[in-house]
């Protein structure tokens, strides 16, 4: 089995406890986890961020977009209510 693009066998940053957390903080989510939870593409998550519907914050160390888990879950519930 080959390596993933990250070069790490599990594809997660070192010290990450789950693919659904950011730097081991379960209240923060990286873009891939947001896309998976919402069942949409990463491009769609970026569109939601750019439009201000589901805004991300930037991690000061890496510059990566991160989302608050509670906000993502609230957004998903609002979609399911439609």
N, C-alpha and C. Protein backbone atom coordinates (compact mmCIF):
# COMPACT_ATOMS: atom_id res chain seq x y z
N UNK A 1 0.85 -1.18 0.00
CA UNK A 1 0.00 0.00 0.00
C UNK A 1 0.89 1.24 0.00
N UNK A 2 0.64 2.18 -0.88
CA UNK A 2 1.47 3.37 -1.02
C UNK A 2 1.13 4.44 0.00
N UNK A 3 2.01 5.41 0.07
CA UNK A 3 1.77 6.53 0.97
C UNK A 3 0.73 7.47 0.39
N UNK A 4 0.08 8.16 1.25
CA UNK A 4 -0.85 9.19 0.80
C UNK A 4 -0.07 10.46 0.51
N UNK A 5 -0.75 11.45 -0.03
CA UNK A 5 -0.07 12.68 -0.43
C UNK A 5 0.66 13.37 0.71
N UNK A 6 0.14 13.26 1.93
CA UNK A 6 0.77 13.94 3.05
C UNK A 6 2.11 13.32 3.41
N UNK A 7 2.37 12.09 2.93
CA UNK A 7 3.59 11.41 3.28
C UNK A 7 3.50 10.66 4.59
N UNK A 8 2.43 10.88 5.33
CA UNK A 8 2.21 10.17 6.59
C UNK A 8 1.26 9.00 6.31
N UNK A 9 1.48 7.85 6.94
CA UNK A 9 0.67 6.67 6.62
C UNK A 9 -0.83 6.88 6.80
N UNK A 10 -1.26 7.62 7.80
CA UNK A 10 -2.70 7.80 8.02
C UNK A 10 -3.24 9.09 7.42
N UNK A 11 -2.39 9.92 6.82
CA UNK A 11 -2.84 11.13 6.16
C UNK A 11 -3.20 12.27 7.10
N UNK A 12 -2.93 12.11 8.40
CA UNK A 12 -3.26 13.15 9.37
C UNK A 12 -1.99 13.78 9.91
N UNK A 13 -2.09 15.05 10.36
CA UNK A 13 -0.91 15.67 10.96
C UNK A 13 -0.47 14.90 12.19
N UNK A 14 0.83 14.89 12.46
CA UNK A 14 1.34 14.19 13.63
C UNK A 14 0.70 14.76 14.89
N UNK A 15 0.25 13.89 15.75
CA UNK A 15 -0.39 14.31 16.98
C UNK A 15 -1.89 14.45 16.86
N UNK A 16 -2.42 14.36 15.65
CA UNK A 16 -3.87 14.45 15.47
C UNK A 16 -4.51 13.17 15.96
N UNK A 17 -5.57 13.30 16.75
CA UNK A 17 -6.22 12.13 17.33
C UNK A 17 -7.30 11.56 16.44
N UNK A 18 -7.81 12.34 15.52
CA UNK A 18 -8.90 11.90 14.68
C UNK A 18 -8.92 12.71 13.41
N UNK A 19 -9.46 12.12 12.35
CA UNK A 19 -9.57 12.87 11.11
C UNK A 19 -10.65 13.94 11.23
N UNK A 20 -11.44 13.88 12.31
CA UNK A 20 -12.48 14.86 12.54
C UNK A 20 -12.09 15.88 13.59
N UNK A 21 -10.82 16.19 13.68
CA UNK A 21 -10.37 17.23 14.60
C UNK A 21 -9.19 17.95 13.98
N UNK A 22 -8.86 19.09 14.53
CA UNK A 22 -7.73 19.86 14.04
C UNK A 22 -6.72 19.98 15.17
N UNK A 23 -5.53 19.48 14.92
CA UNK A 23 -4.45 19.48 15.92
C UNK A 23 -4.90 18.87 17.24
N UNK A 24 -5.72 17.82 17.15
CA UNK A 24 -6.16 17.11 18.35
C UNK A 24 -7.27 17.81 19.10
N UNK A 25 -7.75 18.95 18.60
CA UNK A 25 -8.84 19.69 19.25
C UNK A 25 -10.16 19.28 18.59
N UNK A 26 -10.98 18.49 19.28
CA UNK A 26 -12.21 17.99 18.66
C UNK A 26 -13.25 19.07 18.38
N UNK A 27 -13.07 20.28 18.90
CA UNK A 27 -14.03 21.35 18.62
C UNK A 27 -13.71 22.08 17.32
N UNK A 28 -12.58 21.77 16.70
CA UNK A 28 -12.16 22.41 15.45
C UNK A 28 -12.07 21.37 14.35
N UNK A 29 -12.47 21.75 13.15
CA UNK A 29 -12.50 20.82 12.02
C UNK A 29 -11.73 21.38 10.82
N UNK A 30 -10.94 20.53 10.15
CA UNK A 30 -10.31 20.93 8.90
C UNK A 30 -11.32 20.80 7.75
N UNK A 31 -10.99 21.32 6.61
CA UNK A 31 -11.92 21.39 5.48
C UNK A 31 -12.43 20.01 5.03
N UNK A 32 -11.58 19.02 5.01
CA UNK A 32 -12.01 17.69 4.58
C UNK A 32 -13.06 17.09 5.50
N UNK A 33 -12.91 17.31 6.79
CA UNK A 33 -13.89 16.81 7.75
C UNK A 33 -15.22 17.54 7.59
N UNK A 34 -15.16 18.85 7.33
CA UNK A 34 -16.40 19.62 7.11
C UNK A 34 -17.12 19.08 5.88
N UNK A 35 -16.39 18.86 4.81
CA UNK A 35 -16.99 18.34 3.58
C UNK A 35 -17.62 16.97 3.83
N UNK A 36 -16.93 16.12 4.56
CA UNK A 36 -17.44 14.77 4.82
C UNK A 36 -18.69 14.82 5.70
N UNK A 37 -18.68 15.63 6.73
CA UNK A 37 -19.83 15.74 7.62
C UNK A 37 -21.05 16.25 6.87
N UNK A 38 -20.84 17.24 6.00
CA UNK A 38 -21.96 17.84 5.27
C UNK A 38 -22.33 17.05 4.01
N UNK A 39 -21.46 16.13 3.59
CA UNK A 39 -21.74 15.35 2.39
C UNK A 39 -21.61 16.16 1.11
N UNK A 40 -20.65 17.11 1.11
CA UNK A 40 -20.43 17.97 -0.05
C UNK A 40 -18.95 17.94 -0.41
N UNK A 41 -18.60 18.58 -1.51
CA UNK A 41 -17.21 18.62 -1.94
C UNK A 41 -16.45 19.72 -1.19
N UNK A 42 -15.14 19.61 -1.24
CA UNK A 42 -14.30 20.65 -0.64
C UNK A 42 -14.53 21.98 -1.35
N UNK A 43 -14.71 21.95 -2.67
CA UNK A 43 -15.01 23.20 -3.40
C UNK A 43 -16.29 23.85 -2.88
N UNK A 44 -17.28 23.04 -2.55
CA UNK A 44 -18.54 23.59 -2.02
C UNK A 44 -18.32 24.21 -0.64
N UNK A 45 -17.48 23.59 0.18
CA UNK A 45 -17.16 24.17 1.49
C UNK A 45 -16.47 25.52 1.30
N UNK A 46 -15.55 25.59 0.35
CA UNK A 46 -14.86 26.87 0.07
C UNK A 46 -15.84 27.93 -0.41
N UNK A 47 -16.84 27.52 -1.19
CA UNK A 47 -17.86 28.47 -1.65
C UNK A 47 -18.68 28.98 -0.46
N UNK A 48 -19.05 28.08 0.44
CA UNK A 48 -19.80 28.48 1.64
C UNK A 48 -18.98 29.45 2.49
N UNK A 49 -17.67 29.21 2.57
CA UNK A 49 -16.78 30.10 3.31
C UNK A 49 -16.71 31.47 2.64
N UNK A 50 -16.48 31.49 1.33
CA UNK A 50 -16.34 32.75 0.59
C UNK A 50 -17.61 33.59 0.64
N UNK A 51 -18.76 32.92 0.65
CA UNK A 51 -20.03 33.65 0.68
C UNK A 51 -20.43 34.10 2.08
N UNK A 52 -19.70 33.61 3.09
CA UNK A 52 -20.01 33.99 4.47
C UNK A 52 -21.09 33.14 5.11
N UNK A 53 -21.59 32.14 4.40
CA UNK A 53 -22.64 31.27 4.94
C UNK A 53 -22.07 30.37 6.04
N UNK A 54 -20.87 29.85 5.82
CA UNK A 54 -20.21 28.98 6.79
C UNK A 54 -18.74 29.43 6.88
N UNK A 55 -18.51 30.56 7.55
CA UNK A 55 -17.16 31.13 7.56
C UNK A 55 -16.17 30.31 8.38
N UNK A 56 -14.95 30.28 7.88
CA UNK A 56 -13.84 29.60 8.56
C UNK A 56 -12.98 30.63 9.27
N UNK A 57 -12.18 30.12 10.18
CA UNK A 57 -11.14 30.92 10.82
C UNK A 57 -9.81 30.38 10.32
N UNK A 58 -8.78 31.18 10.39
CA UNK A 58 -7.45 30.74 9.96
C UNK A 58 -6.63 30.33 11.18
N UNK A 59 -5.98 29.18 11.07
CA UNK A 59 -5.06 28.75 12.11
C UNK A 59 -3.84 29.65 12.05
N UNK A 60 -3.46 30.29 13.15
CA UNK A 60 -2.34 31.23 13.10
C UNK A 60 -0.99 30.58 12.78
N UNK A 61 -0.83 29.29 13.09
CA UNK A 61 0.44 28.63 12.82
C UNK A 61 0.56 28.19 11.37
N UNK A 62 -0.50 27.60 10.84
CA UNK A 62 -0.41 27.01 9.49
C UNK A 62 -1.09 27.84 8.41
N UNK A 63 -2.02 28.70 8.81
CA UNK A 63 -2.79 29.47 7.84
C UNK A 63 -3.96 28.69 7.26
N UNK A 64 -4.13 27.43 7.70
CA UNK A 64 -5.23 26.60 7.20
C UNK A 64 -6.57 27.12 7.69
N UNK A 65 -7.59 26.92 6.88
CA UNK A 65 -8.96 27.23 7.30
C UNK A 65 -9.40 26.16 8.29
N UNK A 66 -10.05 26.60 9.37
CA UNK A 66 -10.62 25.67 10.33
C UNK A 66 -12.03 26.15 10.69
N UNK A 67 -12.88 25.19 10.98
CA UNK A 67 -14.27 25.49 11.32
C UNK A 67 -14.57 25.01 12.71
N UNK A 68 -15.46 25.71 13.38
CA UNK A 68 -15.94 25.31 14.69
C UNK A 68 -16.94 24.17 14.50
N UNK A 69 -16.72 23.04 15.20
CA UNK A 69 -17.58 21.87 15.06
C UNK A 69 -19.05 22.21 15.32
N UNK A 70 -19.33 22.98 16.36
CA UNK A 70 -20.71 23.31 16.70
C UNK A 70 -21.39 24.09 15.57
N UNK A 71 -20.67 24.98 14.92
CA UNK A 71 -21.23 25.75 13.81
C UNK A 71 -21.56 24.85 12.63
N UNK A 72 -20.67 23.90 12.33
CA UNK A 72 -20.89 22.98 11.22
C UNK A 72 -22.11 22.10 11.50
N UNK A 73 -22.22 21.58 12.71
CA UNK A 73 -23.36 20.73 13.07
C UNK A 73 -24.66 21.53 13.02
N UNK A 74 -24.62 22.77 13.50
CA UNK A 74 -25.81 23.63 13.45
C UNK A 74 -26.24 23.88 12.01
N UNK A 75 -25.27 24.13 11.12
CA UNK A 75 -25.57 24.34 9.71
C UNK A 75 -26.18 23.08 9.10
N UNK A 76 -25.61 21.93 9.41
CA UNK A 76 -26.14 20.67 8.88
C UNK A 76 -27.58 20.45 9.35
N UNK A 77 -27.86 20.70 10.61
CA UNK A 77 -29.23 20.55 11.13
C UNK A 77 -30.19 21.49 10.45
N UNK A 78 -29.73 22.71 10.14
CA UNK A 78 -30.60 23.67 9.47
C UNK A 78 -30.93 23.19 8.05
N UNK A 79 -29.99 22.53 7.39
CA UNK A 79 -30.25 21.97 6.06
C UNK A 79 -31.23 20.82 6.13
N UNK A 80 -31.09 19.99 7.16
CA UNK A 80 -31.97 18.83 7.29
C UNK A 80 -33.41 19.26 7.62
N UNK A 81 -33.59 20.44 8.18
CA UNK A 81 -34.91 20.92 8.53
C UNK A 81 -35.68 21.44 7.32
N UNK A 82 -34.99 21.64 6.20
CA UNK A 82 -35.65 22.17 5.00
C UNK A 82 -36.53 21.14 4.35
